[in-house]
C-alpha atoms as a PDB file:
ATOM      1  CA  MET A   1      31.909 -46.088  33.413  1.00  0.00           C
ATOM      2  CA  LYS A   2      30.901 -44.820  36.854  1.00  0.00           C
ATOM      3  CA  THR A   3      29.967 -47.578  39.247  1.00  0.00           C
ATOM      4  CA  LYS A   4      27.097 -47.177  41.645  1.00  0.00           C
ATOM      5  CA  GLU A   5      27.936 -47.687  45.291  1.00  0.00           C
ATOM      6  CA  ILE A   6      26.220 -50.533  47.095  1.00  0.00           C
ATOM      7  CA  ASP A   7      23.309 -49.683  49.382  1.00  0.00           C
ATOM      8  CA  PHE A   8      23.887 -51.876  52.387  1.00  0.00           C
ATOM      9  CA  ILE A   9      21.633 -51.948  55.482  1.00  0.00           C
ATOM     10  CA  GLY A  10      20.728 -48.325  55.093  1.00  0.00           C
ATOM     11  CA  TYR A  11      24.314 -47.193  54.580  1.00  0.00           C
ATOM     12  CA  THR A  12      26.080 -46.631  51.303  1.00  0.00           C
ATOM     13  CA  THR A  13      29.530 -48.189  51.192  1.00  0.00           C
ATOM     14  CA  GLN A  14      31.063 -45.132  49.510  1.00  0.00           C
ATOM     15  CA  TYR A  15      31.232 -43.057  52.691  1.00  0.00           C
ATOM     16  CA  TRP A  16      32.165 -45.770  55.185  1.00  0.00           C
ATOM     17  CA  TRP A  17      34.921 -43.529  56.557  1.00  0.00           C
ATOM     18  CA  LEU A  18      32.390 -41.053  58.017  1.00  0.00           C
ATOM     19  CA  MET A  19      31.050 -43.784  60.287  1.00  0.00           C
ATOM     20  CA  PHE A  20      34.665 -44.758  61.035  1.00  0.00           C
ATOM     21  CA  SER A  21      35.479 -41.150  62.059  1.00  0.00           C
ATOM     22  CA  ALA A  22      32.431 -40.931  64.319  1.00  0.00           C
ATOM     23  CA  GLY A  23      33.504 -44.182  65.970  1.00  0.00           C
ATOM     24  CA  PHE A  24      36.920 -42.792  66.842  1.00  0.00           C
ATOM     25  CA  LEU A  25      35.279 -39.623  68.128  1.00  0.00           C
ATOM     26  CA  PHE A  26      33.130 -41.675  70.520  1.00  0.00           C
ATOM     27  CA  ILE A  27      36.050 -43.830  71.684  1.00  0.00           C
ATOM     28  CA  GLY A  28      38.159 -40.711  72.243  1.00  0.00           C
ATOM     29  CA  LEU A  29      35.394 -39.115  74.277  1.00  0.00           C
ATOM     30  CA  GLY A  30      34.969 -42.282  76.328  1.00  0.00           C
ATOM     31  CA  ILE A  31      38.691 -42.508  77.101  1.00  0.00           C
ATOM     32  CA  TRP A  32      38.872 -38.821  77.985  1.00  0.00           C
ATOM     33  CA  ILE A  33      35.961 -39.239  80.383  1.00  0.00           C
ATOM     34  CA  LEU A  34      37.687 -42.202  82.084  1.00  0.00           C
ATOM     35  CA  VAL A  35      41.102 -40.563  82.444  1.00  0.00           C
ATOM     36  CA  SER A  36      39.677 -37.268  83.695  1.00  0.00           C
ATOM     37  CA  PRO A  37      37.562 -38.251  86.693  1.00  0.00           C
ATOM     38  CA  VAL A  38      38.544 -35.006  88.391  1.00  0.00           C
ATOM     39  CA  ALA A  39      36.762 -33.046  85.703  1.00  0.00           C
ATOM     40  CA  SER A  40      33.552 -31.551  86.975  1.00  0.00           C
ATOM     41  CA  TYR A  41      30.074 -32.798  86.204  1.00  0.00           C
ATOM     42  CA  LEU A  42      29.535 -29.544  84.299  1.00  0.00           C
ATOM     43  CA  SER A  43      32.441 -30.206  81.961  1.00  0.00           C
ATOM     44  CA  LEU A  44      31.077 -33.715  81.351  1.00  0.00           C
ATOM     45  CA  SER A  45      27.716 -32.242  80.360  1.00  0.00           C
ATOM     46  CA  LEU A  46      29.458 -29.810  77.997  1.00  0.00           C
ATOM     47  CA  LEU A  47      31.607 -32.599  76.574  1.00  0.00           C
ATOM     48  CA  PHE A  48      28.519 -34.706  76.022  1.00  0.00           C
ATOM     49  CA  ALA A  49      26.786 -31.801  74.246  1.00  0.00           C
ATOM     50  CA  PHE A  50      29.765 -31.219  71.946  1.00  0.00           C
ATOM     51  CA  GLY A  51      30.066 -34.939  71.221  1.00  0.00           C
ATOM     52  CA  MET A  52      26.405 -35.091  70.216  1.00  0.00           C
ATOM     53  CA  ILE A  53      26.761 -31.994  68.014  1.00  0.00           C
ATOM     54  CA  PHE A  54      29.714 -33.439  66.084  1.00  0.00           C
ATOM     55  CA  SER A  55      28.151 -36.882  65.831  1.00  0.00           C
ATOM     56  CA  GLY A  56      24.916 -35.340  64.541  1.00  0.00           C
ATOM     57  CA  PHE A  57      26.846 -33.294  61.997  1.00  0.00           C
ATOM     58  CA  PHE A  58      28.681 -36.403  60.702  1.00  0.00           C
ATOM     59  CA  GLU A  59      25.422 -38.329  60.350  1.00  0.00           C
ATOM     60  CA  ILE A  60      23.602 -35.461  58.608  1.00  0.00           C
ATOM     61  CA  VAL A  61      26.449 -35.083  56.088  1.00  0.00           C
ATOM     62  CA  PHE A  62      26.474 -38.844  55.597  1.00  0.00           C
ATOM     63  CA  ALA A  63      22.702 -39.032  55.000  1.00  0.00           C
ATOM     64  CA  VAL A  64      22.460 -35.971  52.746  1.00  0.00           C
ATOM     65  CA  GLY A  65      25.540 -37.020  50.760  1.00  0.00           C
ATOM     66  CA  ASN A  66      23.969 -40.405  50.073  1.00  0.00           C
ATOM     67  CA  TYR A  67      20.251 -39.698  49.777  1.00  0.00           C
ATOM     68  CA  LYS A  68      20.112 -40.988  46.186  1.00  0.00           C
ATOM     69  CA  THR A  69      21.688 -44.348  46.971  1.00  0.00           C
ATOM     70  CA  LEU A  70      20.969 -44.790  50.658  1.00  0.00           C
ATOM     71  CA  HIS A  71      18.068 -47.048  51.499  1.00  0.00           C
ATOM     72  CA  GLY A  72      16.403 -45.647  54.587  1.00  0.00           C
ATOM     73  CA  TRP A  73      18.561 -42.500  54.522  1.00  0.00           C
ATOM     74  CA  GLY A  74      15.788 -40.638  56.331  1.00  0.00           C
ATOM     75  CA  TRP A  75      16.383 -42.611  59.544  1.00  0.00           C
ATOM     76  CA  THR A  76      20.064 -41.748  59.470  1.00  0.00           C
ATOM     77  CA  LEU A  77      19.180 -38.105  58.809  1.00  0.00           C
ATOM     78  CA  VAL A  78      16.634 -38.046  61.648  1.00  0.00           C
ATOM     79  CA  GLY A  79      19.182 -39.594  64.032  1.00  0.00           C
ATOM     80  CA  GLY A  80      21.736 -36.961  63.047  1.00  0.00           C
ATOM     81  CA  ILE A  81      19.243 -34.111  63.415  1.00  0.00           C
ATOM     82  CA  ILE A  82      18.179 -35.392  66.847  1.00  0.00           C
ATOM     83  CA  ASP A  83      21.820 -35.587  67.950  1.00  0.00           C
ATOM     84  CA  LEU A  84      22.603 -32.120  66.587  1.00  0.00           C
ATOM     85  CA  PHE A  85      19.598 -30.345  68.118  1.00  0.00           C
ATOM     86  CA  LEU A  86      19.839 -32.201  71.413  1.00  0.00           C
ATOM     87  CA  GLY A  87      23.529 -31.306  71.620  1.00  0.00           C
ATOM     88  CA  LEU A  88      22.796 -27.636  70.867  1.00  0.00           C
ATOM     89  CA  TYR A  89      20.001 -27.612  73.441  1.00  0.00           C
ATOM     90  CA  LEU A  90      22.223 -29.160  76.097  1.00  0.00           C
ATOM     91  CA  LEU A  91      25.000 -26.716  75.274  1.00  0.00           C
ATOM     92  CA  SER A  92      22.692 -23.738  75.707  1.00  0.00           C
ATOM     93  CA  LEU A  93      21.469 -24.852  79.167  1.00  0.00           C
ATOM     94  CA  PRO A  94      24.423 -26.400  81.013  1.00  0.00           C
ATOM     95  CA  LEU A  95      22.809 -26.211  84.485  1.00  0.00           C
ATOM     96  CA  LEU A  96      19.652 -27.971  83.297  1.00  0.00           C
ATOM     97  CA  THR A  97      21.868 -30.455  81.484  1.00  0.00           C
ATOM     98  CA  MET A  98      23.531 -31.426  84.760  1.00  0.00           C
ATOM     99  CA  VAL A  99      20.155 -32.217  86.313  1.00  0.00           C
ATOM    100  CA  ILE A 100      18.653 -34.248  83.462  1.00  0.00           C
ATOM    101  CA  MET A 101      21.834 -35.648  81.902  1.00  0.00           C
ATOM    102  CA  PRO A 102      21.388 -39.255  83.142  1.00  0.00           C
ATOM    103  CA  ILE A 103      17.926 -39.498  81.586  1.00  0.00           C
ATOM    104  CA  ILE A 104      19.041 -37.859  78.326  1.00  0.00           C
ATOM    105  CA  ILE A 105      22.068 -40.142  78.063  1.00  0.00           C
ATOM    106  CA  GLY A 106      19.932 -43.179  78.848  1.00  0.00           C
ATOM    107  CA  LEU A 107      17.313 -42.375  76.215  1.00  0.00           C
ATOM    108  CA  TRP A 108      19.927 -41.435  73.636  1.00  0.00           C
ATOM    109  CA  MET A 109      21.865 -44.658  74.227  1.00  0.00           C
ATOM    110  CA  LEU A 110      18.630 -46.686  74.078  1.00  0.00           C
ATOM    111  CA  PHE A 111      17.879 -45.198  70.639  1.00  0.00           C
ATOM    112  CA  ARG A 112      21.447 -45.909  69.457  1.00  0.00           C
ATOM    113  CA  GLY A 113      21.417 -49.422  70.883  1.00  0.00           C
ATOM    114  CA  CYS A 114      18.190 -50.270  69.059  1.00  0.00           C
ATOM    115  CA  MET A 115      19.675 -48.907  65.825  1.00  0.00           C
ATOM    116  CA  ALA A 116      22.762 -51.079  66.404  1.00  0.00           C
ATOM    117  CA  ILE A 117      20.616 -54.199  66.929  1.00  0.00           C
ATOM    118  CA  GLY A 118      18.636 -53.462  63.751  1.00  0.00           C
ATOM    119  CA  SER A 119      21.825 -52.943  61.727  1.00  0.00           C
ATOM    120  CA  SER A 120      23.334 -56.200  62.988  1.00  0.00           C
ATOM    121  CA  LEU A 121      20.205 -58.143  62.010  1.00  0.00           C
ATOM    122  CA  GLU A 122      20.332 -56.623  58.540  1.00  0.00           C
ATOM    123  CA  LEU A 123      23.998 -57.670  58.300  1.00  0.00           C
ATOM    124  CA  ARG A 124      22.858 -61.207  59.045  1.00  0.00           C
ATOM    125  CA  ALA A 125      20.326 -61.003  56.226  1.00  0.00           C
ATOM    126  CA  TYR A 126      23.137 -60.004  53.850  1.00  0.00           C
ATOM    127  CA  GLY A 127      25.152 -63.054  54.873  1.00  0.00           C
ATOM    128  CA  ILE A 128      27.902 -61.226  56.784  1.00  0.00           C
ATOM    129  CA  LEU A 129      29.378 -63.719  59.233  1.00  0.00           C
ATOM    130  CA  ASP A 130      30.436 -61.252  61.943  1.00  0.00           C
ATOM    131  CA  TRP A 131      26.948 -59.866  62.548  1.00  0.00           C
ATOM    132  CA  ALA A 132      26.717 -61.466  66.009  1.00  0.00           C
ATOM    133  CA  TRP A 133      29.446 -59.215  67.469  1.00  0.00           C
ATOM    134  CA  LEU A 134      27.490 -56.164  66.397  1.00  0.00           C
ATOM    135  CA  LEU A 135      24.321 -57.654  67.897  1.00  0.00           C
ATOM    136  CA  ILE A 136      26.076 -58.262  71.217  1.00  0.00           C
ATOM    137  CA  THR A 137      27.407 -54.693  71.209  1.00  0.00           C
ATOM    138  CA  GLY A 138      23.914 -53.336  70.485  1.00  0.00           C
ATOM    139  CA  ILE A 139      22.423 -55.420  73.295  1.00  0.00           C
ATOM    140  CA  LEU A 140      25.105 -54.174  75.726  1.00  0.00           C
ATOM    141  CA  ILE A 141      24.316 -50.577  74.737  1.00  0.00           C
ATOM    142  CA  VAL A 142      20.593 -51.193  75.385  1.00  0.00           C
ATOM    143  CA  ILE A 143      21.321 -52.819  78.763  1.00  0.00           C
ATOM    144  CA  LEU A 144      23.518 -49.885  79.800  1.00  0.00           C
ATOM    145  CA  SER A 145      20.868 -47.417  78.695  1.00  0.00           C
ATOM    146  CA  LEU A 146      18.179 -49.226  80.699  1.00  0.00           C
ATOM    147  CA  LEU A 147      20.431 -49.224  83.766  1.00  0.00           C
ATOM    148  CA  ILE A 148      20.936 -45.483  83.396  1.00  0.00           C
ATOM    149  CA  ILE A 149      17.213 -44.780  82.848  1.00  0.00           C
ATOM    150  CA  GLY A 150      16.074 -47.144  85.611  1.00  0.00           C
ATOM    151  CA  HIS A 151      18.452 -45.786  88.232  1.00  0.00           C
ATOM    152  CA  PRO A 152      19.067 -42.105  87.490  1.00  0.00           C
ATOM    153  CA  LEU A 153      20.366 -41.412  91.008  1.00  0.00           C
ATOM    154  CA  PHE A 154      22.818 -44.281  90.727  1.00  0.00           C
ATOM    155  CA  ALA A 155      23.603 -43.101  87.204  1.00  0.00           C
ATOM    156  CA  ALA A 156      24.247 -39.570  88.440  1.00  0.00           C
ATOM    157  CA  VAL A 157      26.725 -40.901  91.004  1.00  0.00           C
ATOM    158  CA  SER A 158      28.534 -43.130  88.518  1.00  0.00           C
ATOM    159  CA  ILE A 159      27.723 -41.213  85.342  1.00  0.00           C
ATOM    160  CA  VAL A 160      31.393 -40.821  84.462  1.00  0.00           C
ATOM    161  CA  ILE A 161      32.024 -44.561  84.261  1.00  0.00           C
ATOM    162  CA  TRP A 162      28.689 -45.446  82.603  1.00  0.00           C
ATOM    163  CA  THR A 163      29.005 -42.639  80.076  1.00  0.00           C
ATOM    164  CA  ALA A 164      32.588 -43.529  79.220  1.00  0.00           C
ATOM    165  CA  PHE A 165      31.703 -47.192  78.749  1.00  0.00           C
ATOM    166  CA  ALA A 166      28.654 -46.359  76.620  1.00  0.00           C
ATOM    167  CA  PHE A 167      30.686 -43.975  74.425  1.00  0.00           C
ATOM    168  CA  VAL A 168      33.441 -46.553  73.918  1.00  0.00           C
ATOM    169  CA  LEU A 169      30.899 -49.265  73.018  1.00  0.00           C
ATOM    170  CA  SER A 170      29.176 -46.935  70.551  1.00  0.00           C
ATOM    171  CA  GLY A 171      32.528 -46.057  69.014  1.00  0.00           C
ATOM    172  CA  ILE A 172      33.551 -49.695  68.676  1.00  0.00           C
ATOM    173  CA  PHE A 173      30.223 -50.473  67.030  1.00  0.00           C
ATOM    174  CA  ARG A 174      30.603 -47.642  64.507  1.00  0.00           C
ATOM    175  CA  ILE A 175      34.203 -48.524  63.645  1.00  0.00           C
ATOM    176  CA  TYR A 176      33.376 -52.205  63.240  1.00  0.00           C
ATOM    177  CA  LEU A 177      30.329 -51.418  61.113  1.00  0.00           C
ATOM    178  CA  SER A 178      32.347 -49.026  58.929  1.00  0.00           C
ATOM    179  CA  LEU A 179      35.015 -51.690  58.358  1.00  0.00           C
ATOM    180  CA  GLN A 180      32.304 -54.183  57.409  1.00  0.00           C
ATOM    181  CA  LEU A 181      30.939 -51.627  54.931  1.00  0.00           C
ATOM    182  CA  LYS A 182      34.434 -51.097  53.505  1.00  0.00           C
ATOM    183  CA  ASN A 183      34.980 -54.860  53.171  1.00  0.00           C
ATOM    184  CA  PHE A 184      31.578 -55.251  51.546  1.00  0.00           C
ATOM    185  CA  LYS A 185      32.487 -52.500  49.075  1.00  0.00           C
ATOM    186  CA  ASN A 186      35.810 -54.191  48.228  1.00  0.00           C
ATOM    187  CA  ILE A 187      34.161 -57.603  47.809  1.00  0.00           C
ATOM    188  CA  ASN A 188      31.591 -56.163  45.403  1.00  0.00           C
ATOM    189  CA  LYS A 189      34.321 -54.413  43.355  1.00  0.00           C
ATOM    190  CA  THR A 190      36.057 -57.751  42.791  1.00  0.00           C
ATOM    191  CA  ARG A 191      32.786 -59.390  41.723  1.00  0.00           C
ATOM    192  CA  LYS A 192      32.231 -56.852  38.922  1.00  0.00           C
END
């Protein structure tokens, strides 16, 4: 008998590892940004574009692969499509990207931070005890995004550090969420 995967806060537990992979991608990008401060602002804009393209691809595959069981799969799909097209756009215009990158990063991180806060509150509704850590991470992402949007000149000067920190926080959130999804899947298998 084939068991149906659990639909949990808009994510199916079957493909938890896709979220896990995206988390490591973000952490890797954040670390690379921190250890390569000599890299030019142009290479950072290209790196950001490629990171968004791959992240968007992972989310699109995740949403399409789970559309039958995923509650709210359209939001995940829209987020992935936005990331993919924004990354392709930024890749095609690297000079424009350098000028508007702080605002784009700020808005993108604001969107992701709000999604993280919403996911953590849904975890709470499902009775997961560690939801508060995800909420704190989401709030930190929103605060960083507002700092970047509110002070684009300051953000342009320190974009390397802010971007690295935001990428690492987003990666930690995704890895932690994916592990919660995996644990939730394992708990529900033992209940059956």
